[in-house]
N, C-alpha and C. Protein backbone atom coordinates (compact mmCIF):
# COMPACT_ATOMS: atom_id res chain seq x y z
N MET A 1 81.18 122.03 100.72
CA MET A 1 80.83 120.68 100.35
C MET A 1 81.26 119.75 101.48
N ARG A 2 80.44 118.76 101.77
CA ARG A 2 80.75 117.80 102.82
C ARG A 2 81.57 116.65 102.24
N VAL A 3 82.71 116.39 102.85
CA VAL A 3 83.64 115.37 102.39
C VAL A 3 83.91 114.40 103.54
N ALA A 4 83.90 113.10 103.22
CA ALA A 4 84.25 112.07 104.20
C ALA A 4 85.58 111.45 103.81
N VAL A 5 86.51 111.41 104.75
CA VAL A 5 87.76 110.67 104.56
C VAL A 5 87.62 109.42 105.42
N VAL A 6 87.50 108.28 104.75
CA VAL A 6 87.24 107.01 105.43
C VAL A 6 88.47 106.12 105.30
N ILE A 7 88.88 105.55 106.42
CA ILE A 7 89.98 104.58 106.39
C ILE A 7 89.47 103.25 106.90
N TYR A 8 90.12 102.19 106.44
CA TYR A 8 89.83 100.86 106.96
C TYR A 8 91.15 100.12 107.02
N GLY A 9 91.64 99.93 108.23
CA GLY A 9 92.92 99.26 108.40
C GLY A 9 92.88 98.19 109.47
N GLU A 10 93.81 97.29 109.36
CA GLU A 10 93.94 96.24 110.37
C GLU A 10 95.32 96.29 111.01
N LYS A 11 96.37 96.17 110.21
CA LYS A 11 97.73 96.17 110.74
C LYS A 11 98.32 97.58 110.86
N HIS A 12 98.00 98.43 109.91
CA HIS A 12 98.62 99.76 109.84
C HIS A 12 97.60 100.87 110.09
N GLU A 13 96.75 100.65 111.06
CA GLU A 13 95.67 101.59 111.34
C GLU A 13 96.19 102.98 111.74
N GLN A 14 97.26 103.04 112.53
CA GLN A 14 97.80 104.31 112.98
C GLN A 14 98.36 105.11 111.79
N LYS A 15 99.09 104.44 110.91
CA LYS A 15 99.64 105.12 109.73
C LYS A 15 98.52 105.63 108.83
N LEU A 16 97.48 104.83 108.65
CA LEU A 16 96.32 105.25 107.86
C LEU A 16 95.66 106.48 108.48
N LEU A 17 95.54 106.50 109.80
CA LEU A 17 94.93 107.63 110.49
C LEU A 17 95.75 108.90 110.29
N GLU A 18 97.06 108.81 110.41
CA GLU A 18 97.92 109.98 110.19
C GLU A 18 97.77 110.51 108.77
N ILE A 19 97.73 109.61 107.80
CA ILE A 19 97.57 110.02 106.41
C ILE A 19 96.19 110.63 106.20
N ALA A 20 95.16 110.05 106.80
CA ALA A 20 93.79 110.58 106.67
C ALA A 20 93.70 111.99 107.26
N GLN A 21 94.34 112.22 108.40
CA GLN A 21 94.32 113.54 109.02
C GLN A 21 95.01 114.58 108.13
N SER A 22 96.13 114.20 107.53
CA SER A 22 96.83 115.12 106.63
C SER A 22 96.01 115.37 105.37
N LEU A 23 95.42 114.34 104.82
CA LEU A 23 94.58 114.47 103.64
C LEU A 23 93.40 115.39 103.95
N ALA A 24 92.81 115.21 105.11
CA ALA A 24 91.68 116.06 105.52
C ALA A 24 92.09 117.53 105.66
N ARG A 25 93.30 117.78 106.19
CA ARG A 25 93.80 119.17 106.28
C ARG A 25 93.91 119.79 104.90
N GLY A 26 94.44 119.03 103.95
CA GLY A 26 94.58 119.53 102.59
C GLY A 26 93.24 119.81 101.95
N ILE A 27 92.27 118.93 102.15
CA ILE A 27 90.93 119.13 101.59
C ILE A 27 90.25 120.32 102.26
N ALA A 28 90.39 120.42 103.57
CA ALA A 28 89.78 121.53 104.31
C ALA A 28 90.36 122.88 103.88
N SER A 29 91.61 122.89 103.45
CA SER A 29 92.23 124.15 103.01
C SER A 29 91.56 124.69 101.75
N GLN A 30 90.79 123.85 101.06
CA GLN A 30 90.03 124.28 99.89
C GLN A 30 88.67 124.85 100.30
N GLY A 31 88.36 124.82 101.60
CA GLY A 31 87.11 125.37 102.10
C GLY A 31 86.00 124.35 102.30
N HIS A 32 86.32 123.07 102.29
CA HIS A 32 85.32 122.01 102.46
C HIS A 32 85.22 121.58 103.92
N GLU A 33 84.05 121.07 104.28
CA GLU A 33 83.83 120.51 105.60
C GLU A 33 84.21 119.03 105.54
N VAL A 34 85.17 118.60 106.37
CA VAL A 34 85.72 117.24 106.27
C VAL A 34 85.53 116.48 107.57
N ASP A 35 85.04 115.25 107.44
CA ASP A 35 84.93 114.33 108.59
C ASP A 35 85.80 113.12 108.31
N ILE A 36 86.50 112.66 109.35
CA ILE A 36 87.33 111.45 109.25
C ILE A 36 86.60 110.32 109.95
N MET A 37 86.54 109.17 109.28
CA MET A 37 85.88 108.00 109.86
C MET A 37 86.80 106.79 109.76
N ASN A 38 86.73 105.96 110.77
CA ASN A 38 87.43 104.68 110.75
C ASN A 38 86.37 103.60 110.52
N GLY A 39 86.31 103.07 109.31
CA GLY A 39 85.29 102.10 108.94
C GLY A 39 85.30 100.84 109.78
N LYS A 40 86.42 100.51 110.34
CA LYS A 40 86.51 99.31 111.17
C LYS A 40 85.76 99.49 112.50
N HIS A 41 85.77 100.72 113.02
CA HIS A 41 85.17 100.98 114.32
C HIS A 41 83.83 101.69 114.24
N GLU A 42 83.49 102.24 113.10
CA GLU A 42 82.25 103.00 112.94
C GLU A 42 81.38 102.35 111.88
N LEU A 43 80.94 101.15 112.16
CA LEU A 43 80.18 100.36 111.19
C LEU A 43 78.82 100.95 110.85
N ASN A 44 78.23 101.72 111.73
CA ASN A 44 76.89 102.25 111.49
C ASN A 44 76.89 103.65 110.91
N LYS A 45 78.04 104.17 110.53
CA LYS A 45 78.11 105.50 109.93
C LYS A 45 77.57 105.45 108.52
N LYS A 46 76.82 106.46 108.15
CA LYS A 46 76.24 106.54 106.82
C LYS A 46 76.99 107.58 105.99
N LEU A 47 77.27 107.23 104.75
CA LEU A 47 77.97 108.14 103.83
C LEU A 47 77.00 108.84 102.89
N THR A 48 75.72 108.60 103.07
CA THR A 48 74.69 109.13 102.19
C THR A 48 74.75 110.65 102.07
N PHE A 49 75.02 111.35 103.15
CA PHE A 49 74.94 112.81 103.16
C PHE A 49 76.24 113.50 102.74
N TYR A 50 77.23 112.72 102.39
CA TYR A 50 78.50 113.30 101.92
C TYR A 50 78.48 113.39 100.40
N GLU A 51 79.06 114.46 99.89
CA GLU A 51 79.07 114.68 98.44
C GLU A 51 80.34 114.12 97.79
N TYR A 52 81.38 113.92 98.58
CA TYR A 52 82.65 113.40 98.07
C TYR A 52 83.21 112.48 99.14
N ILE A 53 83.77 111.35 98.71
CA ILE A 53 84.31 110.36 99.66
C ILE A 53 85.74 110.00 99.26
N ALA A 54 86.64 110.09 100.22
CA ALA A 54 88.01 109.60 100.04
C ALA A 54 88.12 108.33 100.89
N LEU A 55 88.45 107.23 100.24
CA LEU A 55 88.50 105.94 100.93
C LEU A 55 89.89 105.35 100.82
N GLY A 56 90.48 105.04 101.97
CA GLY A 56 91.83 104.49 101.99
C GLY A 56 91.92 103.22 102.81
N THR A 57 92.80 102.35 102.38
CA THR A 57 93.01 101.09 103.11
C THR A 57 94.46 100.64 102.92
N GLU A 58 94.72 99.42 103.34
CA GLU A 58 96.04 98.84 103.29
C GLU A 58 95.97 97.50 102.57
N HIS A 59 97.10 96.90 102.35
CA HIS A 59 97.17 95.56 101.77
C HIS A 59 97.04 94.54 102.89
N THR A 60 96.56 93.35 102.55
CA THR A 60 96.48 92.30 103.57
C THR A 60 97.47 91.18 103.30
N GLY A 61 98.00 91.10 102.10
CA GLY A 61 98.98 90.07 101.77
C GLY A 61 100.34 90.68 101.51
N PHE A 62 101.37 89.90 101.62
CA PHE A 62 102.73 90.41 101.42
C PHE A 62 102.95 90.91 99.99
N PHE A 63 102.34 90.24 99.03
CA PHE A 63 102.54 90.60 97.64
C PHE A 63 101.55 91.62 97.13
N GLY A 64 100.62 92.07 97.95
CA GLY A 64 99.65 93.06 97.53
C GLY A 64 98.50 92.44 96.75
N GLY A 65 97.55 93.27 96.40
CA GLY A 65 96.42 92.80 95.61
C GLY A 65 95.21 92.41 96.43
N LYS A 66 95.36 92.35 97.73
CA LYS A 66 94.22 92.00 98.58
C LYS A 66 94.00 93.12 99.59
N ILE A 67 92.74 93.41 99.82
CA ILE A 67 92.37 94.43 100.80
C ILE A 67 91.53 93.76 101.89
N PRO A 68 91.40 94.39 103.05
CA PRO A 68 90.59 93.78 104.11
C PRO A 68 89.15 93.54 103.65
N VAL A 69 88.60 92.39 103.99
CA VAL A 69 87.23 92.06 103.58
C VAL A 69 86.21 93.00 104.21
N GLY A 70 86.57 93.60 105.32
CA GLY A 70 85.66 94.53 106.00
C GLY A 70 85.34 95.77 105.19
N VAL A 71 86.19 96.12 104.24
CA VAL A 71 85.95 97.31 103.41
C VAL A 71 84.65 97.11 102.63
N LYS A 72 84.48 95.95 102.07
CA LYS A 72 83.28 95.65 101.29
C LYS A 72 82.03 95.70 102.17
N ASN A 73 82.12 95.12 103.35
CA ASN A 73 81.00 95.14 104.29
C ASN A 73 80.66 96.56 104.72
N PHE A 74 81.68 97.37 104.99
CA PHE A 74 81.45 98.75 105.39
C PHE A 74 80.70 99.51 104.31
N LEU A 75 81.16 99.39 103.06
CA LEU A 75 80.50 100.12 101.96
C LEU A 75 79.05 99.68 101.78
N ARG A 76 78.80 98.41 101.94
CA ARG A 76 77.43 97.91 101.77
C ARG A 76 76.49 98.38 102.87
N GLN A 77 77.04 98.67 104.05
CA GLN A 77 76.21 99.09 105.19
C GLN A 77 76.20 100.60 105.41
N SER A 78 76.86 101.35 104.54
CA SER A 78 77.04 102.78 104.80
C SER A 78 76.06 103.68 104.07
N GLY A 79 74.94 103.15 103.66
CA GLY A 79 73.93 103.97 103.00
C GLY A 79 74.17 104.05 101.51
N THR A 80 73.66 105.10 100.90
CA THR A 80 73.77 105.27 99.46
C THR A 80 75.13 105.84 99.09
N VAL A 81 75.94 105.02 98.42
CA VAL A 81 77.23 105.48 97.94
C VAL A 81 77.27 105.49 96.41
N SER A 82 76.27 104.90 95.80
CA SER A 82 76.21 104.86 94.35
C SER A 82 76.10 106.27 93.78
N GLY A 83 76.94 106.57 92.81
CA GLY A 83 76.95 107.88 92.18
C GLY A 83 77.80 108.92 92.89
N LYS A 84 78.34 108.59 94.04
CA LYS A 84 79.19 109.54 94.77
C LYS A 84 80.54 109.66 94.08
N ARG A 85 81.03 110.89 93.97
CA ARG A 85 82.37 111.10 93.45
C ARG A 85 83.35 110.76 94.56
N CYS A 86 84.47 110.13 94.20
CA CYS A 86 85.36 109.65 95.24
C CYS A 86 86.83 109.60 94.81
N PHE A 87 87.66 109.40 95.80
CA PHE A 87 89.11 109.28 95.67
C PHE A 87 89.51 108.01 96.41
N ALA A 88 90.27 107.14 95.75
CA ALA A 88 90.74 105.90 96.37
C ALA A 88 92.23 106.03 96.66
N PHE A 89 92.64 105.57 97.84
CA PHE A 89 94.08 105.57 98.13
C PHE A 89 94.45 104.36 98.99
N VAL A 90 95.67 103.93 98.83
CA VAL A 90 96.25 102.88 99.66
C VAL A 90 97.59 103.38 100.16
N ILE A 91 98.03 102.80 101.27
CA ILE A 91 99.35 103.14 101.77
C ILE A 91 100.34 102.15 101.18
N LYS A 92 101.52 102.65 100.91
CA LYS A 92 102.55 101.79 100.35
C LYS A 92 103.08 100.89 101.46
N GLY A 93 103.23 99.63 101.16
CA GLY A 93 103.71 98.71 102.18
C GLY A 93 103.94 97.31 101.65
N SER A 94 103.37 97.01 100.51
CA SER A 94 103.55 95.68 99.93
C SER A 94 104.47 95.79 98.72
N LEU A 95 104.74 94.67 98.11
CA LEU A 95 105.60 94.68 96.93
C LEU A 95 104.89 95.27 95.72
N ARG A 96 103.57 95.10 95.63
CA ARG A 96 102.83 95.59 94.48
C ARG A 96 101.65 96.44 94.94
N PRO A 97 101.92 97.68 95.35
CA PRO A 97 100.82 98.52 95.85
C PRO A 97 99.80 98.87 94.78
N MET A 98 100.21 98.92 93.51
CA MET A 98 99.27 99.25 92.45
C MET A 98 98.20 98.16 92.31
N LYS A 99 98.58 96.94 92.55
CA LYS A 99 97.62 95.83 92.50
C LYS A 99 96.59 95.98 93.63
N THR A 100 97.04 96.40 94.80
CA THR A 100 96.14 96.65 95.92
C THR A 100 95.19 97.79 95.60
N LEU A 101 95.73 98.86 95.02
CA LEU A 101 94.91 100.01 94.64
C LEU A 101 93.85 99.61 93.60
N ARG A 102 94.24 98.81 92.63
CA ARG A 102 93.27 98.36 91.62
C ARG A 102 92.14 97.56 92.26
N GLU A 103 92.46 96.76 93.24
CA GLU A 103 91.43 95.96 93.93
C GLU A 103 90.45 96.88 94.67
N LEU A 104 90.96 97.91 95.33
CA LEU A 104 90.10 98.86 96.03
C LEU A 104 89.22 99.61 95.03
N MET A 105 89.81 100.05 93.93
CA MET A 105 89.06 100.79 92.91
C MET A 105 87.95 99.90 92.32
N LYS A 106 88.26 98.66 92.08
CA LYS A 106 87.28 97.72 91.53
C LYS A 106 86.09 97.58 92.49
N LEU A 107 86.38 97.44 93.77
CA LEU A 107 85.32 97.31 94.78
C LEU A 107 84.46 98.57 94.81
N MET A 108 85.08 99.72 94.78
CA MET A 108 84.33 100.99 94.82
C MET A 108 83.44 101.13 93.58
N GLU A 109 83.96 100.77 92.45
CA GLU A 109 83.17 100.86 91.22
C GLU A 109 82.01 99.87 91.22
N GLU A 110 82.22 98.69 91.80
CA GLU A 110 81.14 97.71 91.93
C GLU A 110 79.99 98.26 92.77
N GLU A 111 80.31 99.13 93.72
CA GLU A 111 79.28 99.75 94.56
C GLU A 111 78.65 100.96 93.88
N GLY A 112 79.10 101.28 92.68
CA GLY A 112 78.51 102.38 91.92
C GLY A 112 79.16 103.72 92.17
N MET A 113 80.29 103.74 92.85
CA MET A 113 80.98 105.00 93.13
C MET A 113 81.71 105.48 91.87
N PHE A 114 81.76 106.79 91.71
CA PHE A 114 82.38 107.40 90.54
C PHE A 114 83.79 107.86 90.92
N LEU A 115 84.79 107.09 90.53
CA LEU A 115 86.18 107.39 90.87
C LEU A 115 86.70 108.56 90.06
N LYS A 116 87.10 109.61 90.76
CA LYS A 116 87.69 110.77 90.10
C LYS A 116 89.20 110.60 89.95
N THR A 117 89.83 110.03 90.97
CA THR A 117 91.27 109.83 90.96
C THR A 117 91.65 108.81 92.03
N SER A 118 92.91 108.39 92.00
CA SER A 118 93.41 107.44 92.99
C SER A 118 94.90 107.68 93.17
N ASP A 119 95.45 107.16 94.27
CA ASP A 119 96.87 107.36 94.53
C ASP A 119 97.39 106.35 95.54
N ILE A 120 98.69 106.16 95.51
CA ILE A 120 99.41 105.38 96.52
C ILE A 120 100.14 106.41 97.37
N ILE A 121 99.85 106.44 98.65
CA ILE A 121 100.40 107.47 99.53
C ILE A 121 101.44 106.83 100.45
N THR A 122 102.61 107.44 100.49
CA THR A 122 103.70 106.88 101.29
C THR A 122 103.84 107.54 102.66
N LYS A 123 103.53 108.84 102.75
CA LYS A 123 103.69 109.52 104.04
C LYS A 123 102.68 110.65 104.18
N ALA A 124 102.50 111.09 105.42
CA ALA A 124 101.48 112.08 105.74
C ALA A 124 101.72 113.42 105.04
N ALA A 125 102.97 113.83 104.91
CA ALA A 125 103.26 115.12 104.28
C ALA A 125 102.77 115.16 102.84
N SER A 126 102.95 114.10 102.12
CA SER A 126 102.47 114.07 100.73
C SER A 126 100.95 113.99 100.67
N ALA A 127 100.32 113.41 101.69
CA ALA A 127 98.85 113.32 101.73
C ALA A 127 98.22 114.70 101.80
N GLU A 128 98.81 115.59 102.56
CA GLU A 128 98.25 116.95 102.65
C GLU A 128 98.32 117.66 101.30
N GLU A 129 99.42 117.48 100.59
CA GLU A 129 99.55 118.09 99.26
C GLU A 129 98.55 117.49 98.28
N ILE A 130 98.34 116.19 98.37
CA ILE A 130 97.34 115.53 97.51
C ILE A 130 95.96 116.10 97.81
N GLY A 131 95.64 116.29 99.09
CA GLY A 131 94.36 116.86 99.48
C GLY A 131 94.15 118.26 98.94
N LYS A 132 95.20 119.04 98.88
CA LYS A 132 95.10 120.40 98.34
C LYS A 132 94.84 120.39 96.84
N ARG A 133 95.32 119.35 96.15
CA ARG A 133 95.19 119.29 94.70
C ARG A 133 93.95 118.56 94.21
N LEU A 134 93.23 117.87 95.10
CA LEU A 134 92.02 117.16 94.66
C LEU A 134 91.01 118.14 94.11
N HIS A 135 90.40 117.80 93.00
CA HIS A 135 89.39 118.66 92.38
C HIS A 135 88.02 118.29 92.93
N ILE A 136 87.66 118.97 94.00
CA ILE A 136 86.36 118.76 94.63
C ILE A 136 85.57 120.03 94.38
N LYS A 137 84.59 119.93 93.51
CA LYS A 137 83.82 121.11 93.14
C LYS A 137 82.71 121.36 94.14
N ARG A 138 82.42 122.62 94.34
CA ARG A 138 81.29 123.01 95.18
C ARG A 138 79.99 122.83 94.41
N SER A 139 78.92 122.51 95.14
CA SER A 139 77.60 122.35 94.51
C SER A 139 77.05 123.70 94.13
């Protein structure tokens, strides 16, 4: 199954990339083909051909609850994402990371994505374990 791990970061782009790479290793260990994309730099990438999407971002405010506005633009320009099964994640860094995660989930659902699960990821080592446990079924 083709899986896309997409990140969109502004301040913590390097940390998001490390977590995405670990998450991708965990998903690949299940036998899936995984591509990592940086939504901030790859605006013309299409997610249409992926069967599962993991989307991660960061908070933009100190108190949490806000995500980069570019995430919404990226999803709208990335082809057909409606009906895609997906995983939402944010990196811990604000006072209320759950509020940030809820905002990301809300945006994904508005685009018609089918959220299977979500998580707040603190470090790369835990991201790999999360990737191994994600229930991504083969077609």
